PDB file of N, CA and C in Angstrom:
ATOM      1  N   GLU A   1       6.641 -14.760  10.295  1.00  0.00           N
ATOM      2  CA  GLU A   1       6.926 -13.516   9.615  1.00  0.00           C
ATOM      3  C   GLU A   1       7.935 -12.715  10.433  1.00  0.00           C
ATOM      4  N   GLU A   2       8.891 -12.128   9.746  1.00  0.00           N
ATOM      5  CA  GLU A   2       9.941 -11.362  10.410  1.00  0.00           C
ATOM      6  C   GLU A   2       9.399 -10.041  10.946  1.00  0.00           C
ATOM      7  N   GLU A   3       9.747  -9.741  12.203  1.00  0.00           N
ATOM      8  CA  GLU A   3       9.336  -8.491  12.837  1.00  0.00           C
ATOM      9  C   GLU A   3      10.557  -7.713  13.309  1.00  0.00           C
ATOM     10  N   LEU A   4      10.554  -6.422  13.072  1.00  0.00           N
ATOM     11  CA  LEU A   4      11.582  -5.525  13.574  1.00  0.00           C
ATOM     12  C   LEU A   4      11.199  -5.111  14.995  1.00  0.00           C
ATOM     13  N   LEU A   5      12.109  -5.318  15.955  1.00  0.00           N
ATOM     14  CA  LEU A   5      11.813  -5.015  17.354  1.00  0.00           C
ATOM     15  C   LEU A   5      12.660  -3.890  17.936  1.00  0.00           C
ATOM     16  N   CYS A   6      13.830  -3.612  17.352  1.00  0.00           N
ATOM     17  CA  CYS A   6      14.677  -2.544  17.880  1.00  0.00           C
ATOM     18  C   CYS A   6      15.650  -2.058  16.804  1.00  0.00           C
ATOM     19  N   VAL A   7      16.058  -0.789  16.958  1.00  0.00           N
ATOM     20  CA  VAL A   7      16.959  -0.145  15.994  1.00  0.00           C
ATOM     21  C   VAL A   7      17.941   0.729  16.756  1.00  0.00           C
ATOM     22  N   ALA A   8      19.190   0.741  16.311  1.00  0.00           N
ATOM     23  CA  ALA A   8      20.198   1.668  16.834  1.00  0.00           C
ATOM     24  C   ALA A   8      20.854   2.352  15.639  1.00  0.00           C
ATOM     25  N   TYR A   9      21.263   3.603  15.836  1.00  0.00           N
ATOM     26  CA  TYR A   9      21.846   4.404  14.754  1.00  0.00           C
ATOM     27  C   TYR A   9      23.149   5.024  15.233  1.00  0.00           C
ATOM     28  N   ASN A  10      24.171   4.953  14.382  1.00  0.00           N
ATOM     29  CA  ASN A  10      25.440   5.602  14.654  1.00  0.00           C
ATOM     30  C   ASN A  10      25.673   6.637  13.560  1.00  0.00           C
ATOM     31  N   ARG A  11      25.514   7.910  13.914  1.00  0.00           N
ATOM     32  CA  ARG A  11      25.620   8.959  12.895  1.00  0.00           C
ATOM     33  C   ARG A  11      27.047   9.147  12.402  1.00  0.00           C
ATOM     34  N   HIS A  12      28.049   8.841  13.234  1.00  0.00           N
ATOM     35  CA  HIS A  12      29.442   9.003  12.809  1.00  0.00           C
ATOM     36  C   HIS A  12      29.826   7.975  11.750  1.00  0.00           C
ATOM     37  N   MET A  13      29.313   6.765  11.908  1.00  0.00           N
ATOM     38  CA  MET A  13      29.616   5.705  10.949  1.00  0.00           C
ATOM     39  C   MET A  13      28.534   5.574   9.882  1.00  0.00           C
ATOM     40  N   GLN A  14      27.439   6.374  10.004  1.00  0.00           N
ATOM     41  CA  GLN A  14      26.315   6.289   9.072  1.00  0.00           C
ATOM     42  C   GLN A  14      25.822   4.840   8.955  1.00  0.00           C
ATOM     43  N   THR A  15      25.590   4.240  10.131  1.00  0.00           N
ATOM     44  CA  THR A  15      25.209   2.840  10.207  1.00  0.00           C
ATOM     45  C   THR A  15      23.944   2.665  11.035  1.00  0.00           C
ATOM     46  N   LEU A  16      23.076   1.786  10.574  1.00  0.00           N
ATOM     47  CA  LEU A  16      21.912   1.345  11.332  1.00  0.00           C
ATOM     48  C   LEU A  16      22.117  -0.109  11.721  1.00  0.00           C
ATOM     49  N   VAL A  17      21.676  -0.466  12.903  1.00  0.00           N
ATOM     50  CA  VAL A  17      21.648  -1.860  13.324  1.00  0.00           C
ATOM     51  C   VAL A  17      20.220  -2.177  13.729  1.00  0.00           C
ATOM     52  N   THR A  18      19.702  -3.288  13.240  1.00  0.00           N
ATOM     53  CA  THR A  18      18.342  -3.675  13.577  1.00  0.00           C
ATOM     54  C   THR A  18      18.323  -5.074  14.178  1.00  0.00           C
ATOM     55  N   GLY A  19      17.360  -5.299  15.045  1.00  0.00           N
ATOM     56  CA  GLY A  19      17.157  -6.614  15.638  1.00  0.00           C
ATOM     57  C   GLY A  19      15.680  -6.938  15.626  1.00  0.00           C
ATOM     58  N   GLY A  20      15.376  -8.216  15.618  1.00  0.00           N
ATOM     59  CA  GLY A  20      13.982  -8.618  15.588  1.00  0.00           C
ATOM     60  C   GLY A  20      13.798 -10.049  16.036  1.00  0.00           C
ATOM     61  N   ASN A  21      12.704 -10.631  15.592  1.00  0.00           N
ATOM     62  CA  ASN A  21      12.357 -11.968  16.057  1.00  0.00           C
ATOM     63  C   ASN A  21      13.124 -13.094  15.359  1.00  0.00           C
ATOM     64  N   THR A  22      14.018 -12.772  14.431  1.00  0.00           N
ATOM     65  CA  THR A  22      14.785 -13.806  13.730  1.00  0.00           C
ATOM     66  C   THR A  22      16.066 -14.192  14.457  1.00  0.00           C
ATOM     67  N   SER A  23      16.433 -13.477  15.505  1.00  0.00           N
ATOM     68  CA  SER A  23      17.658 -13.674  16.286  1.00  0.00           C
ATOM     69  C   SER A  23      18.919 -13.201  15.553  1.00  0.00           C
ATOM     70  N   LEU A  24      18.757 -12.524  14.427  1.00  0.00           N
ATOM     71  CA  LEU A  24      19.893 -11.966  13.697  1.00  0.00           C
ATOM     72  C   LEU A  24      19.946 -10.454  13.882  1.00  0.00           C
ATOM     73  N   LEU A  25      21.153  -9.925  13.940  1.00  0.00           N
ATOM     74  CA  LEU A  25      21.361  -8.482  13.855  1.00  0.00           C
ATOM     75  C   LEU A  25      21.687  -8.160  12.407  1.00  0.00           C
ATOM     76  N   TYR A  26      21.056  -7.125  11.887  1.00  0.00           N
ATOM     77  CA  TYR A  26      21.356  -6.655  10.537  1.00  0.00           C
ATOM     78  C   TYR A  26      22.046  -5.306  10.647  1.00  0.00           C
ATOM     79  N   ILE A  27      23.174  -5.163   9.967  1.00  0.00           N
ATOM     80  CA  ILE A  27      23.872  -3.887   9.894  1.00  0.00           C
ATOM     81  C   ILE A  27      23.619  -3.323   8.501  1.00  0.00           C
ATOM     82  N   LEU A  28      23.169  -2.072   8.463  1.00  0.00           N
ATOM     83  CA  LEU A  28      22.814  -1.443   7.201  1.00  0.00           C
ATOM     84  C   LEU A  28      23.543  -0.116   7.032  1.00  0.00           C
ATOM     85  N   ASP A  29      23.848   0.217   5.795  1.00  0.00           N
ATOM     86  CA  ASP A  29      24.342   1.543   5.457  1.00  0.00           C
ATOM     87  C   ASP A  29      23.167   2.501   5.593  1.00  0.00           C
ATOM     88  N   ALA A  30      23.318   3.541   6.390  1.00  0.00           N
ATOM     89  CA  ALA A  30      22.201   4.451   6.680  1.00  0.00           C
ATOM     90  C   ALA A  30      21.754   5.250   5.465  1.00  0.00           C
ATOM     91  N   GLU A  31      22.626   5.439   4.507  1.00  0.00           N
ATOM     92  CA  GLU A  31      22.246   6.213   3.325  1.00  0.00           C
ATOM     93  C   GLU A  31      21.580   5.357   2.254  1.00  0.00           C
ATOM     94  N   THR A  32      22.124   4.165   2.008  1.00  0.00           N
ATOM     95  CA  THR A  32      21.612   3.324   0.927  1.00  0.00           C
ATOM     96  C   THR A  32      20.611   2.278   1.427  1.00  0.00           C
ATOM     97  N   HIS A  33      20.595   2.031   2.722  1.00  0.00           N
ATOM     98  CA  HIS A  33      19.764   1.004   3.358  1.00  0.00           C
ATOM     99  C   HIS A  33      20.142  -0.409   2.943  1.00  0.00           C
ATOM    100  N   GLU A  34      21.319  -0.565   2.359  1.00  0.00           N
ATOM    101  CA  GLU A  34      21.797  -1.894   1.996  1.00  0.00           C
ATOM    102  C   GLU A  34      22.330  -2.609   3.220  1.00  0.00           C
ATOM    103  N   ILE A  35      22.031  -3.902   3.330  1.00  0.00           N
ATOM    104  CA  ILE A  35      22.570  -4.712   4.420  1.00  0.00           C
ATOM    105  C   ILE A  35      24.041  -4.959   4.148  1.00  0.00           C
ATOM    106  N   THR A  36      24.888  -4.571   5.090  1.00  0.00           N
ATOM    107  CA  THR A  36      26.326  -4.770   4.935  1.00  0.00           C
ATOM    108  C   THR A  36      26.838  -5.971   5.726  1.00  0.00           C
ATOM    109  N   ALA A  37      26.061  -6.421   6.723  1.00  0.00           N
ATOM    110  CA  ALA A  37      26.459  -7.602   7.503  1.00  0.00           C
ATOM    111  C   ALA A  37      25.257  -8.144   8.247  1.00  0.00           C
ATOM    112  N   LYS A  38      25.308  -9.452   8.524  1.00  0.00           N
ATOM    113  CA  LYS A  38      24.339 -10.122   9.391  1.00  0.00           C
ATOM    114  C   LYS A  38      25.140 -10.776  10.512  1.00  0.00           C
ATOM    115  N   LEU A  39      24.746 -10.492  11.746  1.00  0.00           N
ATOM    116  CA  LEU A  39      25.458 -11.042  12.898  1.00  0.00           C
ATOM    117  C   LEU A  39      24.594 -12.108  13.554  1.00  0.00           C
ATOM    118  N   ASN A  40      25.164 -13.288  13.699  1.00  0.00           N
ATOM    119  CA  ASN A  40      24.454 -14.424  14.248  1.00  0.00           C
ATOM    120  C   ASN A  40      25.081 -14.802  15.588  1.00  0.00           C
ATOM    121  N   GLY A  41      24.256 -14.959  16.607  1.00  0.00           N
ATOM    122  CA  GLY A  41      24.772 -15.362  17.909  1.00  0.00           C
ATOM    123  C   GLY A  41      23.662 -15.616  18.910  1.00  0.00           C
ATOM    124  N   HIS A  42      22.630 -14.797  18.866  1.00  0.00           N
ATOM    125  CA  HIS A  42      21.498 -14.993  19.762  1.00  0.00           C
ATOM    126  C   HIS A  42      20.659 -16.180  19.286  1.00  0.00           C
ATOM    127  N   SER A  43      19.931 -16.783  20.218  1.00  0.00           N
ATOM    128  CA  SER A  43      19.078 -17.923  19.866  1.00  0.00           C
ATOM    129  C   SER A  43      17.587 -17.601  19.964  1.00  0.00           C
ATOM    130  N   ASP A  44      17.269 -16.333  20.243  1.00  0.00           N
ATOM    131  CA  ASP A  44      15.870 -15.911  20.319  1.00  0.00           C
ATOM    132  C   ASP A  44      15.795 -14.453  19.876  1.00  0.00           C
ATOM    133  N   ALA A  45      14.627 -13.866  19.945  1.00  0.00           N
ATOM    134  CA  ALA A  45      14.403 -12.500  19.467  1.00  0.00           C
ATOM    135  C   ALA A  45      15.347 -11.501  20.126  1.00  0.00           C
ATOM    136  N   ILE A  46      15.820 -10.545  19.331  1.00  0.00           N
ATOM    137  CA  ILE A  46      16.652  -9.450  19.844  1.00  0.00           C
ATOM    138  C   ILE A  46      15.719  -8.304  20.191  1.00  0.00           C
ATOM    139  N   THR A  47      15.770  -7.873  21.449  1.00  0.00           N
ATOM    140  CA  THR A  47      14.786  -6.920  21.972  1.00  0.00           C
ATOM    141  C   THR A  47      15.396  -5.609  22.444  1.00  0.00           C
ATOM    142  N   ALA A  48      16.723  -5.513  22.458  1.00  0.00           N
ATOM    143  CA  ALA A  48      17.371  -4.284  22.920  1.00  0.00           C
ATOM    144  C   ALA A  48      18.670  -4.080  22.152  1.00  0.00           C
ATOM    145  N   LEU A  49      18.937  -2.827  21.759  1.00  0.00           N
ATOM    146  CA  LEU A  49      20.155  -2.483  21.025  1.00  0.00           C
ATOM    147  C   LEU A  49      20.679  -1.136  21.476  1.00  0.00           C
ATOM    148  N   GLU A  50      21.985  -1.038  21.563  1.00  0.00           N
ATOM    149  CA  GLU A  50      22.692   0.226  21.761  1.00  0.00           C
ATOM    150  C   GLU A  50      23.963   0.131  20.939  1.00  0.00           C
ATOM    151  N   MET A  51      24.480   1.285  20.519  1.00  0.00           N
ATOM    152  CA  MET A  51      25.767   1.249  19.824  1.00  0.00           C
ATOM    153  C   MET A  51      26.487   2.568  19.984  1.00  0.00           C
ATOM    154  N   ASP A  52      27.821   2.473  19.920  1.00  0.00           N
ATOM    155  CA  ASP A  52      28.656   3.666  19.855  1.00  0.00           C
ATOM    156  C   ASP A  52      29.629   3.454  18.708  1.00  0.00           C
ATOM    157  N   SER A  53      30.704   4.184  18.675  1.00  0.00           N
ATOM    158  CA  SER A  53      31.597   4.105  17.518  1.00  0.00           C
ATOM    159  C   SER A  53      32.367   2.785  17.423  1.00  0.00           C
ATOM    160  N   HIS A  54      32.436   2.026  18.508  1.00  0.00           N
ATOM    161  CA  HIS A  54      33.232   0.797  18.477  1.00  0.00           C
ATOM    162  C   HIS A  54      32.480  -0.462  18.883  1.00  0.00           C
ATOM    163  N   MET A  55      31.340  -0.324  19.540  1.00  0.00           N
ATOM    164  CA  MET A  55      30.641  -1.489  20.062  1.00  0.00           C
ATOM    165  C   MET A  55      29.152  -1.457  19.720  1.00  0.00           C
ATOM    166  N   ILE A  56      28.607  -2.640  19.525  1.00  0.00           N
ATOM    167  CA  ILE A  56      27.165  -2.849  19.434  1.00  0.00           C
ATOM    168  C   ILE A  56      26.805  -3.731  20.622  1.00  0.00           C
ATOM    169  N   ILE A  57      25.777  -3.355  21.347  1.00  0.00           N
ATOM    170  CA  ILE A  57      25.326  -4.138  22.489  1.00  0.00           C
ATOM    171  C   ILE A  57      23.908  -4.603  22.188  1.00  0.00           C
ATOM    172  N   SER A  58      23.699  -5.911  22.240  1.00  0.00           N
ATOM    173  CA  SER A  58      22.382  -6.461  21.942  1.00  0.00           C
ATOM    174  C   SER A  58      21.888  -7.298  23.113  1.00  0.00           C
ATOM    175  N   GLY A  59      20.591  -7.175  23.395  1.00  0.00           N
ATOM    176  CA  GLY A  59      19.949  -7.984  24.423  1.00  0.00           C
ATOM    177  C   GLY A  59      18.846  -8.805  23.790  1.00  0.00           C
ATOM    178  N   SER A  60      18.586  -9.965  24.367  1.00  0.00           N
ATOM    179  CA  SER A  60      17.694 -10.905  23.698  1.00  0.00           C
ATOM    180  C   SER A  60      16.767 -11.622  24.668  1.00  0.00           C
ATOM    181  N   ASP A  61      15.721 -12.188  24.092  1.00  0.00           N
ATOM    182  CA  ASP A  61      14.833 -13.085  24.829  1.00  0.00           C
ATOM    183  C   ASP A  61      15.525 -14.392  25.199  1.00  0.00           C
ATOM    184  N   ASP A  62      16.758 -14.608  24.714  1.00  0.00           N
ATOM    185  CA  ASP A  62      17.509 -15.807  25.101  1.00  0.00           C
ATOM    186  C   ASP A  62      18.252 -15.621  26.427  1.00  0.00           C
ATOM    187  N   TYR A  63      17.964 -14.494  27.115  1.00  0.00           N
ATOM    188  CA  TYR A  63      18.513 -14.173  28.447  1.00  0.00           C
ATOM    189  C   TYR A  63      19.989 -13.777  28.403  1.00  0.00           C
ATOM    190  N   THR A  64      20.493 -13.390  27.233  1.00  0.00           N
ATOM    191  CA  THR A  64      21.891 -12.975  27.138  1.00  0.00           C
ATOM    192  C   THR A  64      22.009 -11.552  26.608  1.00  0.00           C
ATOM    193  N   ILE A  65      23.151 -10.941  26.926  1.00  0.00           N
ATOM    194  CA  ILE A  65      23.578  -9.677  26.341  1.00  0.00           C
ATOM    195  C   ILE A  65      24.877  -9.974  25.609  1.00  0.00           C
ATOM    196  N   ARG A  66      24.984  -9.478  24.392  1.00  0.00           N
ATOM    197  CA  ARG A  66      26.209  -9.692  23.610  1.00  0.00           C
ATOM    198  C   ARG A  66      26.821  -8.350  23.242  1.00  0.00           C
ATOM    199  N   LEU A  67      28.142  -8.283  23.336  1.00  0.00           N
ATOM    200  CA  LEU A  67      28.902  -7.119  22.908  1.00  0.00           C
ATOM    201  C   LEU A  67      29.635  -7.502  21.631  1.00  0.00           C
ATOM    202  N   TRP A  68      29.441  -6.666  20.612  1.00  0.00           N
ATOM    203  CA  TRP A  68      29.995  -6.917  19.286  1.00  0.00           C
ATOM    204  C   TRP A  68      30.969  -5.804  18.928  1.00  0.00           C
ATOM    205  N   ASP A  69      32.087  -6.156  18.331  1.00  0.00           N
ATOM    206  CA  ASP A  69      33.021  -5.180  17.795  1.00  0.00           C
ATOM    207  C   ASP A  69      32.440  -4.680  16.473  1.00  0.00           C
ATOM    208  N   SER A  70      32.145  -3.401  16.387  1.00  0.00           N
ATOM    209  CA  SER A  70      31.491  -2.878  15.183  1.00  0.00           C
ATOM    210  C   SER A  70      32.442  -2.748  13.992  1.00  0.00           C
ATOM    211  N   LEU A  71      33.723  -2.869  14.203  1.00  0.00           N
ATOM    212  CA  LEU A  71      34.670  -2.814  13.084  1.00  0.00           C
ATOM    213  C   LEU A  71      34.865  -4.183  12.447  1.00  0.00           C
ATOM    214  N   THR A  72      34.851  -5.245  13.273  1.00  0.00           N
ATOM    215  CA  THR A  72      35.053  -6.600  12.749  1.00  0.00           C
ATOM    216  C   THR A  72      33.761  -7.393  12.664  1.00  0.00           C
ATOM    217  N   ASN A  73      32.677  -6.847  13.246  1.00  0.00           N
ATOM    218  CA  ASN A  73      31.375  -7.529  13.291  1.00  0.00           C
ATOM    219  C   ASN A  73      31.440  -8.865  14.009  1.00  0.00           C
ATOM    220  N   SER A  74      32.325  -8.969  14.991  1.00  0.00           N
ATOM    221  CA  SER A  74      32.442 -10.213  15.742  1.00  0.00           C
ATOM    222  C   SER A  74      31.991 -10.017  17.182  1.00  0.00           C
ATOM    223  N   CYS A  75      31.430 -11.078  17.754  1.00  0.00           N
ATOM    224  CA  CYS A  75      31.007 -11.051  19.143  1.00  0.00           C
ATOM    225  C   CYS A  75      32.244 -11.188  20.023  1.00  0.00           C
ATOM    226  N   VAL A  76      32.415 -10.261  20.963  1.00  0.00           N
ATOM    227  CA  VAL A  76      33.600 -10.288  21.810  1.00  0.00           C
ATOM    228  C   VAL A  76      33.289 -10.693  23.247  1.00  0.00           C
ATOM    229  N   VAL A  77      32.028 -10.542  23.684  1.00  0.00           N
ATOM    230  CA  VAL A  77      31.637 -10.920  25.039  1.00  0.00           C
ATOM    231  C   VAL A  77      30.184 -11.379  25.025  1.00  0.00           C
ATOM    232  N   VAL A  78      29.902 -12.440  25.767  1.00  0.00           N
ATOM    233  CA  VAL A  78      28.527 -12.883  25.998  1.00  0.00           C
ATOM    234  C   VAL A  78      28.287 -12.842  27.502  1.00  0.00           C
ATOM    235  N   LEU A  79      27.298 -12.082  27.927  1.00  0.00           N
ATOM    236  CA  LEU A  79      26.934 -11.995  29.334  1.00  0.00           C
ATOM    237  C   LEU A  79      25.733 -12.905  29.558  1.00  0.00           C
ATOM    238  N   GLU A  80      25.949 -13.970  30.311  1.00  0.00           N
ATOM    239  CA  GLU A  80      24.914 -14.967  30.541  1.00  0.00           C
ATOM    240  C   GLU A  80      24.496 -14.957  32.011  1.00  0.00           C
ATOM    241  N   GLY A  81      23.480 -15.716  32.338  1.00  0.00           N
ATOM    242  CA  GLY A  81      23.064 -15.883  33.717  1.00  0.00           C
ATOM    243  C   GLY A  81      21.873 -15.046  34.122  1.00  0.00           C
ATOM    244  N   HIS A  82      21.337 -14.264  33.195  1.00  0.00           N
ATOM    245  CA  HIS A  82      20.149 -13.489  33.522  1.00  0.00           C
ATOM    246  C   HIS A  82      18.967 -14.446  33.709  1.00  0.00           C
ATOM    247  N   LYS A  83      18.038 -14.073  34.531  1.00  0.00           N
ATOM    248  CA  LYS A  83      16.906 -14.948  34.849  1.00  0.00           C
ATOM    249  C   LYS A  83      15.637 -14.587  34.085  1.00  0.00           C
ATOM    250  N   ALA A  84      15.765 -13.646  33.148  1.00  0.00           N
ATOM    251  CA  ALA A  84      14.615 -13.206  32.361  1.00  0.00           C
ATOM    252  C   ALA A  84      15.109 -12.639  31.039  1.00  0.00           C
ATOM    253  N   PRO A  85      14.223 -12.521  30.065  1.00  0.00           N
ATOM    254  CA  PRO A  85      14.611 -11.898  28.800  1.00  0.00           C
ATOM    255  C   PRO A  85      15.110 -10.469  29.032  1.00  0.00           C
ATOM    256  N   ILE A  86      15.993 -10.022  28.163  1.00  0.00           N
ATOM    257  CA  ILE A  86      16.554  -8.676  28.243  1.00  0.00           C
ATOM    258  C   ILE A  86      15.614  -7.717  27.524  1.00  0.00           C
ATOM    259  N   ILE A  87      15.251  -6.644  28.214  1.00  0.00           N
ATOM    260  CA  ILE A  87      14.430  -5.615  27.586  1.00  0.00           C
ATOM    261  C   ILE A  87      15.155  -4.300  27.723  1.00  0.00           C
ATOM    262  N   HIS A  88      14.816  -3.366  26.885  1.00  0.00           N
ATOM    263  CA  HIS A  88      15.487  -2.055  26.895  1.00  0.00           C
ATOM    264  C   HIS A  88      15.190  -1.283  28.145  1.00  0.00           C
TER     265      HIS A  88
END
């Protein structure tokens, strides 16, 4: 069963980003709650999220941190080598 584990909100872009145990990031319109994009890259649960006007930062139980361009919804950097899951 899908579980929501973290949420980030950008009031300037009226956007919500959610992460959970499915390893997908969901980007939603904050007013309509419609999913506008799904970002795939992590291989385990997403446990930490931050965002600003240009970047989404996600941390995961897969021991990686990913930086995403919030305008193109593409992963631009993967930080690997952590020895434990990423927590907020």
